[in-house]
Amino acid sequence: MKIIVNSTPIIALSLINQLDLLNQLFNEVIIPWAVYQEIVIAGDNKPGAKELKNANWIQVQEVASSSPLEPLLLGLDRGELEVILLAISIKPDWVIIDEKLARRVAKAMELTVKGTLGILLVGFYAGYLSKQEILDLSQQLVDYVIRISSPILNWLKTELDNDH
């Protein structure tokens, strides 16, 4: 499976020492240049920078700068915009985005969207993480001030209880 990942999921997974889960779960993990720049260059010495620099299995790709879609995507940051434009171009299986507006735009462009918690859940289904580990990791994200709404946490607990 091929995925394109935005900044927040990379930072969040790095904070809880789970960035390598992407490598375990997916054949191709791709980020656009703007995401690399945001995390590694602008975010040097911040969470995710060192982890992304060391993740030689993550491919960094340039996005064509001119796109007729850009005016439609106002309100997104550069990384979110490039994730969506790159996804439209190379058609990944999933786009990994946490921000609400960017998720809505990606879905409107008929992209399949997952978030950080969705990736943890895939890790659970694949046998890499236990139910308790997922609950602990999601609490760690909340403790790190990663915004996760109560409905999303409830969804996660319901999915874990259903144990597909």
N, C-alpha and C. Protein backbone atom coordinates (compact mmCIF):
# COMPACT_ATOMS: atom_id res chain seq x y z
N MET A 1 0.83 -1.20 0.00
CA MET A 1 0.00 0.00 0.00
C MET A 1 0.87 1.25 0.00
N LYS A 2 0.37 2.25 -0.67
CA LYS A 2 1.08 3.53 -0.78
C LYS A 2 0.27 4.59 -0.05
N ILE A 3 0.96 5.38 0.81
CA ILE A 3 0.31 6.47 1.53
C ILE A 3 1.09 7.76 1.36
N ILE A 4 0.37 8.87 1.50
CA ILE A 4 0.99 10.20 1.57
C ILE A 4 0.62 10.77 2.92
N VAL A 5 1.61 11.29 3.63
CA VAL A 5 1.41 11.71 5.02
C VAL A 5 1.67 13.20 5.20
N ASN A 6 0.81 13.85 5.97
CA ASN A 6 0.97 15.25 6.33
C ASN A 6 1.83 15.38 7.59
N SER A 7 2.14 16.60 7.96
CA SER A 7 3.04 16.88 9.09
C SER A 7 2.54 16.38 10.44
N THR A 8 1.31 16.71 10.80
CA THR A 8 0.83 16.39 12.14
C THR A 8 0.90 14.90 12.46
N PRO A 9 0.49 13.99 11.57
CA PRO A 9 0.64 12.58 11.90
C PRO A 9 2.10 12.15 12.11
N ILE A 10 3.02 12.72 11.33
CA ILE A 10 4.43 12.38 11.51
C ILE A 10 4.91 12.86 12.87
N ILE A 11 4.56 14.09 13.23
CA ILE A 11 4.96 14.64 14.53
C ILE A 11 4.32 13.83 15.65
N ALA A 12 3.02 13.55 15.54
CA ALA A 12 2.31 12.81 16.59
C ALA A 12 2.90 11.41 16.77
N LEU A 13 3.12 10.70 15.68
CA LEU A 13 3.69 9.35 15.78
C LEU A 13 5.11 9.39 16.33
N SER A 14 5.86 10.44 16.00
CA SER A 14 7.21 10.60 16.55
C SER A 14 7.17 10.82 18.06
N LEU A 15 6.23 11.63 18.51
CA LEU A 15 6.10 11.91 19.94
C LEU A 15 5.87 10.65 20.77
N ILE A 16 5.16 9.69 20.19
CA ILE A 16 4.85 8.46 20.94
C ILE A 16 5.71 7.27 20.45
N ASN A 17 6.81 7.60 19.78
CA ASN A 17 7.76 6.59 19.31
C ASN A 17 7.13 5.52 18.42
N GLN A 18 6.23 5.94 17.54
CA GLN A 18 5.55 5.00 16.65
C GLN A 18 5.70 5.36 15.17
N LEU A 19 6.63 6.23 14.83
CA LEU A 19 6.78 6.60 13.42
C LEU A 19 7.09 5.37 12.57
N ASP A 20 7.89 4.46 13.10
CA ASP A 20 8.27 3.26 12.34
C ASP A 20 7.07 2.36 12.02
N LEU A 21 5.95 2.56 12.72
CA LEU A 21 4.74 1.79 12.42
C LEU A 21 4.34 1.99 10.95
N LEU A 22 4.54 3.20 10.43
CA LEU A 22 4.23 3.46 9.02
C LEU A 22 5.06 2.55 8.11
N ASN A 23 6.33 2.38 8.46
CA ASN A 23 7.22 1.52 7.68
C ASN A 23 6.80 0.06 7.77
N GLN A 24 6.30 -0.35 8.92
CA GLN A 24 5.85 -1.73 9.11
C GLN A 24 4.56 -2.01 8.35
N LEU A 25 3.70 -1.02 8.25
CA LEU A 25 2.37 -1.23 7.68
C LEU A 25 2.28 -1.00 6.17
N PHE A 26 3.14 -0.14 5.63
CA PHE A 26 2.96 0.30 4.25
C PHE A 26 4.22 0.10 3.41
N ASN A 27 4.02 -0.23 2.13
CA ASN A 27 5.14 -0.43 1.19
C ASN A 27 5.80 0.89 0.83
N GLU A 28 4.98 1.92 0.62
CA GLU A 28 5.50 3.23 0.23
C GLU A 28 4.92 4.30 1.13
N VAL A 29 5.81 5.06 1.77
CA VAL A 29 5.40 6.19 2.61
C VAL A 29 6.01 7.43 1.97
N ILE A 30 5.14 8.35 1.56
CA ILE A 30 5.57 9.51 0.79
C ILE A 30 5.12 10.78 1.50
N ILE A 31 5.98 11.79 1.48
CA ILE A 31 5.60 13.13 1.94
C ILE A 31 6.01 14.13 0.86
N PRO A 32 5.25 15.20 0.72
CA PRO A 32 5.68 16.25 -0.20
C PRO A 32 6.80 17.08 0.44
N TRP A 33 7.53 17.79 -0.40
CA TRP A 33 8.65 18.62 0.06
C TRP A 33 8.21 19.60 1.15
N ALA A 34 7.03 20.19 1.03
CA ALA A 34 6.57 21.18 2.02
C ALA A 34 6.45 20.57 3.41
N VAL A 35 6.07 19.30 3.50
CA VAL A 35 5.96 18.63 4.80
C VAL A 35 7.36 18.42 5.38
N TYR A 36 8.30 17.97 4.55
CA TYR A 36 9.68 17.80 5.00
C TYR A 36 10.24 19.13 5.49
N GLN A 37 10.01 20.17 4.71
CA GLN A 37 10.51 21.50 5.06
C GLN A 37 9.92 21.98 6.38
N GLU A 38 8.62 21.77 6.56
CA GLU A 38 7.93 22.21 7.78
C GLU A 38 8.48 21.49 9.02
N ILE A 39 8.72 20.19 8.91
CA ILE A 39 9.14 19.42 10.07
C ILE A 39 10.65 19.50 10.30
N VAL A 40 11.44 19.29 9.26
CA VAL A 40 12.89 19.16 9.43
C VAL A 40 13.61 20.50 9.38
N ILE A 41 13.25 21.35 8.43
CA ILE A 41 13.99 22.60 8.26
C ILE A 41 13.44 23.68 9.18
N ALA A 42 12.16 24.01 9.05
CA ALA A 42 11.56 25.04 9.91
C ALA A 42 11.40 24.55 11.34
N GLY A 43 11.23 23.24 11.51
CA GLY A 43 10.99 22.69 12.85
C GLY A 43 12.20 22.04 13.47
N ASP A 44 13.41 22.41 13.03
CA ASP A 44 14.62 21.81 13.57
C ASP A 44 14.62 21.84 15.09
N ASN A 45 14.98 20.72 15.69
CA ASN A 45 15.01 20.53 17.15
C ASN A 45 13.62 20.45 17.78
N LYS A 46 12.59 20.37 16.97
CA LYS A 46 11.23 20.19 17.49
C LYS A 46 10.82 18.74 17.26
N PRO A 47 9.72 18.30 17.90
CA PRO A 47 9.29 16.91 17.74
C PRO A 47 9.11 16.52 16.27
N GLY A 48 9.64 15.37 15.94
CA GLY A 48 9.51 14.83 14.59
C GLY A 48 10.67 15.13 13.67
N ALA A 49 11.44 16.19 13.93
CA ALA A 49 12.51 16.59 13.02
C ALA A 49 13.59 15.52 12.92
N LYS A 50 14.12 15.10 14.04
CA LYS A 50 15.18 14.08 14.04
C LYS A 50 14.66 12.75 13.50
N GLU A 51 13.45 12.39 13.91
CA GLU A 51 12.87 11.12 13.47
C GLU A 51 12.66 11.08 11.96
N LEU A 52 12.16 12.19 11.40
CA LEU A 52 11.94 12.24 9.96
C LEU A 52 13.28 12.23 9.21
N LYS A 53 14.26 12.97 9.71
CA LYS A 53 15.59 12.98 9.09
C LYS A 53 16.17 11.57 9.01
N ASN A 54 15.94 10.79 10.07
CA ASN A 54 16.51 9.43 10.15
C ASN A 54 15.67 8.37 9.44
N ALA A 55 14.47 8.71 9.02
CA ALA A 55 13.56 7.74 8.39
C ALA A 55 13.84 7.67 6.89
N ASN A 56 14.91 6.95 6.52
CA ASN A 56 15.30 6.89 5.10
C ASN A 56 14.30 6.12 4.24
N TRP A 57 13.32 5.51 4.85
CA TRP A 57 12.27 4.78 4.13
C TRP A 57 11.12 5.70 3.70
N ILE A 58 11.13 6.95 4.17
CA ILE A 58 10.11 7.92 3.75
C ILE A 58 10.62 8.65 2.51
N GLN A 59 9.82 8.61 1.44
CA GLN A 59 10.18 9.29 0.19
C GLN A 59 9.67 10.73 0.22
N VAL A 60 10.54 11.65 -0.15
CA VAL A 60 10.14 13.06 -0.26
C VAL A 60 9.97 13.37 -1.74
N GLN A 61 8.80 13.90 -2.10
CA GLN A 61 8.54 14.20 -3.52
C GLN A 61 8.13 15.65 -3.70
N GLU A 62 8.57 16.20 -4.81
CA GLU A 62 8.18 17.55 -5.21
C GLU A 62 6.78 17.51 -5.81
N VAL A 63 6.06 18.60 -5.64
CA VAL A 63 4.74 18.74 -6.23
C VAL A 63 4.84 19.82 -7.31
N ALA A 64 4.20 19.56 -8.45
CA ALA A 64 4.18 20.58 -9.51
C ALA A 64 3.61 21.87 -8.93
N SER A 65 4.33 22.97 -9.11
CA SER A 65 3.92 24.22 -8.46
C SER A 65 2.65 24.82 -9.04
N SER A 66 2.39 24.57 -10.31
CA SER A 66 1.17 25.15 -10.88
C SER A 66 0.08 24.09 -10.95
N SER A 67 -1.05 24.41 -10.38
CA SER A 67 -2.18 23.50 -10.40
C SER A 67 -3.46 24.31 -10.51
N PRO A 68 -4.37 23.87 -11.34
CA PRO A 68 -5.64 24.60 -11.44
C PRO A 68 -6.47 24.46 -10.16
N LEU A 69 -6.10 23.54 -9.28
CA LEU A 69 -6.87 23.32 -8.06
C LEU A 69 -6.49 24.25 -6.92
N GLU A 70 -5.31 24.86 -6.98
CA GLU A 70 -4.86 25.65 -5.84
C GLU A 70 -5.86 26.68 -5.35
N PRO A 71 -6.51 27.45 -6.21
CA PRO A 71 -7.47 28.43 -5.69
C PRO A 71 -8.61 27.79 -4.89
N LEU A 72 -8.95 26.53 -5.22
CA LEU A 72 -10.02 25.85 -4.50
C LEU A 72 -9.59 25.43 -3.10
N LEU A 73 -8.29 25.39 -2.87
CA LEU A 73 -7.79 24.84 -1.62
C LEU A 73 -7.35 25.91 -0.63
N LEU A 74 -7.80 27.12 -0.80
CA LEU A 74 -7.44 28.18 0.14
C LEU A 74 -7.89 27.82 1.55
N GLY A 75 -7.13 28.23 2.51
CA GLY A 75 -7.45 27.89 3.89
C GLY A 75 -6.60 26.74 4.41
N LEU A 76 -5.86 26.10 3.54
CA LEU A 76 -4.96 25.03 3.94
C LEU A 76 -3.54 25.58 4.05
N ASP A 77 -2.71 24.95 4.88
CA ASP A 77 -1.31 25.37 4.88
C ASP A 77 -0.60 24.70 3.70
N ARG A 78 0.63 25.10 3.46
CA ARG A 78 1.36 24.61 2.28
C ARG A 78 1.50 23.09 2.29
N GLY A 79 1.79 22.52 3.46
CA GLY A 79 1.95 21.07 3.57
C GLY A 79 0.67 20.33 3.22
N GLU A 80 -0.45 20.80 3.78
CA GLU A 80 -1.75 20.17 3.50
C GLU A 80 -2.08 20.26 2.01
N LEU A 81 -1.85 21.45 1.45
CA LEU A 81 -2.11 21.66 0.02
C LEU A 81 -1.29 20.70 -0.82
N GLU A 82 0.01 20.58 -0.51
CA GLU A 82 0.88 19.70 -1.29
C GLU A 82 0.52 18.23 -1.10
N VAL A 83 0.10 17.83 0.10
CA VAL A 83 -0.33 16.44 0.32
C VAL A 83 -1.50 16.13 -0.61
N ILE A 84 -2.47 17.02 -0.66
CA ILE A 84 -3.66 16.79 -1.48
C ILE A 84 -3.33 16.82 -2.97
N LEU A 85 -2.53 17.80 -3.40
CA LEU A 85 -2.16 17.87 -4.82
C LEU A 85 -1.34 16.67 -5.24
N LEU A 86 -0.40 16.24 -4.39
CA LEU A 86 0.41 15.07 -4.71
C LEU A 86 -0.47 13.82 -4.78
N ALA A 87 -1.42 13.72 -3.86
CA ALA A 87 -2.32 12.56 -3.85
C ALA A 87 -3.19 12.52 -5.11
N ILE A 88 -3.65 13.66 -5.56
CA ILE A 88 -4.43 13.70 -6.80
C ILE A 88 -3.57 13.22 -7.97
N SER A 89 -2.30 13.57 -7.93
CA SER A 89 -1.38 13.23 -9.00
C SER A 89 -0.97 11.75 -8.99
N ILE A 90 -0.58 11.21 -7.82
CA ILE A 90 -0.02 9.85 -7.81
C ILE A 90 -0.96 8.78 -7.26
N LYS A 91 -2.13 9.18 -6.84
CA LYS A 91 -3.19 8.25 -6.43
C LYS A 91 -2.75 7.20 -5.40
N PRO A 92 -2.45 7.63 -4.17
CA PRO A 92 -2.10 6.67 -3.13
C PRO A 92 -3.34 5.92 -2.65
N ASP A 93 -3.12 4.87 -1.88
CA ASP A 93 -4.26 4.16 -1.28
C ASP A 93 -4.93 5.04 -0.23
N TRP A 94 -4.10 5.70 0.58
CA TRP A 94 -4.63 6.57 1.64
C TRP A 94 -3.83 7.85 1.72
N VAL A 95 -4.49 8.89 2.23
CA VAL A 95 -3.86 10.15 2.60
C VAL A 95 -4.00 10.25 4.12
N ILE A 96 -2.90 10.51 4.81
CA ILE A 96 -2.91 10.56 6.27
C ILE A 96 -2.86 12.02 6.71
N ILE A 97 -4.00 12.52 7.17
CA ILE A 97 -4.17 13.93 7.56
C ILE A 97 -5.03 13.98 8.81
N ASP A 98 -4.66 14.84 9.76
CA ASP A 98 -5.45 14.99 10.98
C ASP A 98 -6.34 16.23 10.98
N GLU A 99 -5.92 17.30 10.33
CA GLU A 99 -6.64 18.57 10.39
C GLU A 99 -7.99 18.47 9.68
N LYS A 100 -9.01 18.99 10.33
CA LYS A 100 -10.40 18.83 9.87
C LYS A 100 -10.64 19.40 8.47
N LEU A 101 -10.23 20.64 8.22
CA LEU A 101 -10.47 21.25 6.91
C LEU A 101 -9.76 20.48 5.81
N ALA A 102 -8.51 20.13 6.05
CA ALA A 102 -7.75 19.38 5.04
C ALA A 102 -8.38 18.02 4.76
N ARG A 103 -8.91 17.37 5.81
CA ARG A 103 -9.59 16.08 5.62
C ARG A 103 -10.83 16.26 4.75
N ARG A 104 -11.58 17.34 5.01
CA ARG A 104 -12.79 17.60 4.22
C ARG A 104 -12.45 17.83 2.75
N VAL A 105 -11.41 18.62 2.52
CA VAL A 105 -11.01 18.91 1.14
C VAL A 105 -10.55 17.62 0.46
N ALA A 106 -9.73 16.82 1.15
CA ALA A 106 -9.24 15.56 0.58
C ALA A 106 -10.40 14.63 0.24
N LYS A 107 -11.37 14.54 1.13
CA LYS A 107 -12.54 13.69 0.87
C LYS A 107 -13.35 14.23 -0.31
N ALA A 108 -13.45 15.55 -0.40
CA ALA A 108 -14.17 16.16 -1.53
C ALA A 108 -13.46 15.85 -2.85
N MET A 109 -12.16 15.64 -2.79
CA MET A 109 -11.39 15.28 -3.98
C MET A 109 -11.37 13.76 -4.18
N GLU A 110 -12.23 13.07 -3.43
CA GLU A 110 -12.39 11.62 -3.52
C GLU A 110 -11.15 10.84 -3.14
N LEU A 111 -10.40 11.37 -2.16
CA LEU A 111 -9.24 10.66 -1.62
C LEU A 111 -9.69 9.92 -0.36
N THR A 112 -9.08 8.78 -0.09
CA THR A 112 -9.37 8.02 1.12
C THR A 112 -8.48 8.55 2.23
N VAL A 113 -9.10 9.02 3.31
CA VAL A 113 -8.38 9.72 4.37
C VAL A 113 -8.37 8.91 5.66
N LYS A 114 -7.22 8.87 6.29
CA LYS A 114 -7.07 8.31 7.64
C LYS A 114 -6.32 9.35 8.45
N GLY A 115 -6.41 9.22 9.77
CA GLY A 115 -5.67 10.10 10.66
C GLY A 115 -4.70 9.29 11.51
N THR A 116 -4.05 9.97 12.43
CA THR A 116 -3.08 9.32 13.31
C THR A 116 -3.72 8.16 14.07
N LEU A 117 -4.89 8.39 14.66
CA LEU A 117 -5.54 7.31 15.41
C LEU A 117 -5.96 6.17 14.49
N GLY A 118 -6.35 6.49 13.28
CA GLY A 118 -6.68 5.45 12.31
C GLY A 118 -5.48 4.58 11.99
N ILE A 119 -4.30 5.19 11.94
CA ILE A 119 -3.07 4.42 11.70
C ILE A 119 -2.78 3.51 12.88
N LEU A 120 -2.96 4.03 14.10
CA LEU A 120 -2.77 3.17 15.28
C LEU A 120 -3.74 1.99 15.24
N LEU A 121 -4.96 2.25 14.81
CA LEU A 121 -5.97 1.19 14.72
C LEU A 121 -5.56 0.15 13.67
N VAL A 122 -5.02 0.59 12.54
CA VAL A 122 -4.52 -0.35 11.53
C VAL A 122 -3.39 -1.19 12.14
N GLY A 123 -2.55 -0.55 12.95
CA GLY A 123 -1.48 -1.28 13.64
C GLY A 123 -2.03 -2.33 14.59
N PHE A 124 -3.15 -2.03 15.21
CA PHE A 124 -3.83 -2.99 16.09
C PHE A 124 -4.36 -4.16 15.27
N TYR A 125 -5.06 -3.86 14.17
CA TYR A 125 -5.62 -4.91 13.31
C TYR A 125 -4.52 -5.80 12.73
N ALA A 126 -3.36 -5.20 12.45
CA ALA A 126 -2.25 -5.96 11.86
C ALA A 126 -1.45 -6.72 12.92
N GLY A 127 -1.79 -6.52 14.19
CA GLY A 127 -1.12 -7.26 15.26
C GLY A 127 0.14 -6.62 15.80
N TYR A 128 0.42 -5.38 15.41
CA TYR A 128 1.61 -4.69 15.90
C TYR A 128 1.39 -4.04 17.26
N LEU A 129 0.16 -3.70 17.58
CA LEU A 129 -0.17 -3.01 18.83
C LEU A 129 -1.35 -3.70 19.50
N SER A 130 -1.31 -3.73 20.83
CA SER A 130 -2.44 -4.29 21.59
C SER A 130 -3.47 -3.20 21.85
N LYS A 131 -4.64 -3.63 22.27
CA LYS A 131 -5.70 -2.68 22.62
C LYS A 131 -5.21 -1.72 23.70
N GLN A 132 -4.56 -2.26 24.73
CA GLN A 132 -4.07 -1.41 25.82
C GLN A 132 -3.01 -0.43 25.33
N GLU A 133 -2.12 -0.89 24.45
CA GLU A 133 -1.11 0.01 23.89
C GLU A 133 -1.76 1.17 23.15
N ILE A 134 -2.80 0.87 22.37
CA ILE A 134 -3.50 1.93 21.63
C ILE A 134 -4.10 2.94 22.60
N LEU A 135 -4.75 2.45 23.64
CA LEU A 135 -5.35 3.35 24.63
C LEU A 135 -4.28 4.19 25.31
N ASP A 136 -3.16 3.57 25.67
CA ASP A 136 -2.06 4.30 26.31
C ASP A 136 -1.46 5.33 25.35
N LEU A 137 -1.25 4.93 24.10
CA LEU A 137 -0.67 5.84 23.11
C LEU A 137 -1.60 7.02 22.82
N SER A 138 -2.90 6.75 22.73
CA SER A 138 -3.83 7.86 22.48
C SER A 138 -3.85 8.82 23.67
N GLN A 139 -3.71 8.30 24.88
CA GLN A 139 -3.63 9.17 26.06
C GLN A 139 -2.34 9.98 26.05
N GLN A 140 -1.24 9.36 25.61
CA GLN A 140 0.02 10.10 25.50
C GLN A 140 -0.12 11.26 24.52
N LEU A 141 -0.81 11.03 23.42
CA LEU A 141 -1.03 12.11 22.45
C LEU A 141 -1.79 13.26 23.08
N VAL A 142 -2.83 12.93 23.84
CA VAL A 142 -3.60 13.96 24.55
C VAL A 142 -2.68 14.69 25.54
N ASP A 143 -1.85 13.94 26.25
CA ASP A 143 -0.93 14.54 27.22
C ASP A 143 0.07 15.47 26.53
N TYR A 144 0.44 15.16 25.29
CA TYR A 144 1.36 16.00 24.52
C TYR A 144 0.64 17.19 23.88
N VAL A 145 -0.61 17.38 24.21
CA VAL A 145 -1.44 18.47 23.72
C VAL A 145 -1.74 18.33 22.23
N ILE A 146 -1.81 17.11 21.76
CA ILE A 146 -2.32 16.87 20.41
C ILE A 146 -3.83 16.88 20.56
N ARG A 147 -4.51 17.75 19.82
CA ARG A 147 -5.96 17.87 19.96
C ARG A 147 -6.68 16.66 19.40
N ILE A 148 -7.35 15.95 20.29
CA ILE A 148 -8.18 14.81 19.88
C ILE A 148 -9.52 15.01 20.55
N SER A 149 -10.55 15.14 19.77
CA SER A 149 -11.88 15.41 20.33
C SER A 149 -12.43 14.17 21.03
N SER A 150 -13.34 14.40 21.95
CA SER A 150 -14.00 13.29 22.66
C SER A 150 -14.70 12.34 21.69
N PRO A 151 -15.43 12.85 20.68
CA PRO A 151 -16.05 11.91 19.74
C PRO A 151 -15.04 11.00 19.03
N ILE A 152 -13.87 11.55 18.70
CA ILE A 152 -12.85 10.73 18.03
C ILE A 152 -12.31 9.68 18.99
N LEU A 153 -12.06 10.06 20.24
CA LEU A 153 -11.59 9.07 21.23
C LEU A 153 -12.65 8.00 21.46
N ASN A 154 -13.91 8.41 21.50
CA ASN A 154 -15.00 7.43 21.67
C ASN A 154 -15.07 6.49 20.47
N TRP A 155 -14.89 7.04 19.27
CA TRP A 155 -14.86 6.21 18.07
C TRP A 155 -13.76 5.17 18.17
N LEU A 156 -12.57 5.61 18.60
CA LEU A 156 -11.43 4.70 18.72
C LEU A 156 -11.75 3.56 19.69
N LYS A 157 -12.30 3.91 20.85
CA LYS A 157 -12.64 2.89 21.86
C LYS A 157 -13.69 1.92 21.32
N THR A 158 -14.67 2.44 20.60
CA THR A 158 -15.69 1.57 20.00
C THR A 158 -15.07 0.62 18.99
N GLU A 159 -14.19 1.14 18.14
CA GLU A 159 -13.52 0.29 17.15
C GLU A 159 -12.69 -0.80 17.83
N LEU A 160 -11.98 -0.43 18.90
CA LEU A 160 -11.18 -1.41 19.62
C LEU A 160 -12.06 -2.47 20.28
N ASP A 161 -13.21 -2.04 20.80
CA ASP A 161 -14.13 -2.98 21.44
C ASP A 161 -14.76 -3.92 20.42
N ASN A 162 -14.99 -3.42 19.20
CA ASN A 162 -15.56 -4.26 18.15
C ASN A 162 -14.58 -5.31 17.67
N ASP A 163 -13.28 -5.01 17.82
CA ASP A 163 -12.19 -5.96 17.55
C ASP A 163 -12.40 -6.75 16.26
N HIS A 164 -12.49 -6.03 15.16
CA HIS A 164 -12.73 -6.64 13.83
C HIS A 164 -11.88 -7.85 13.62
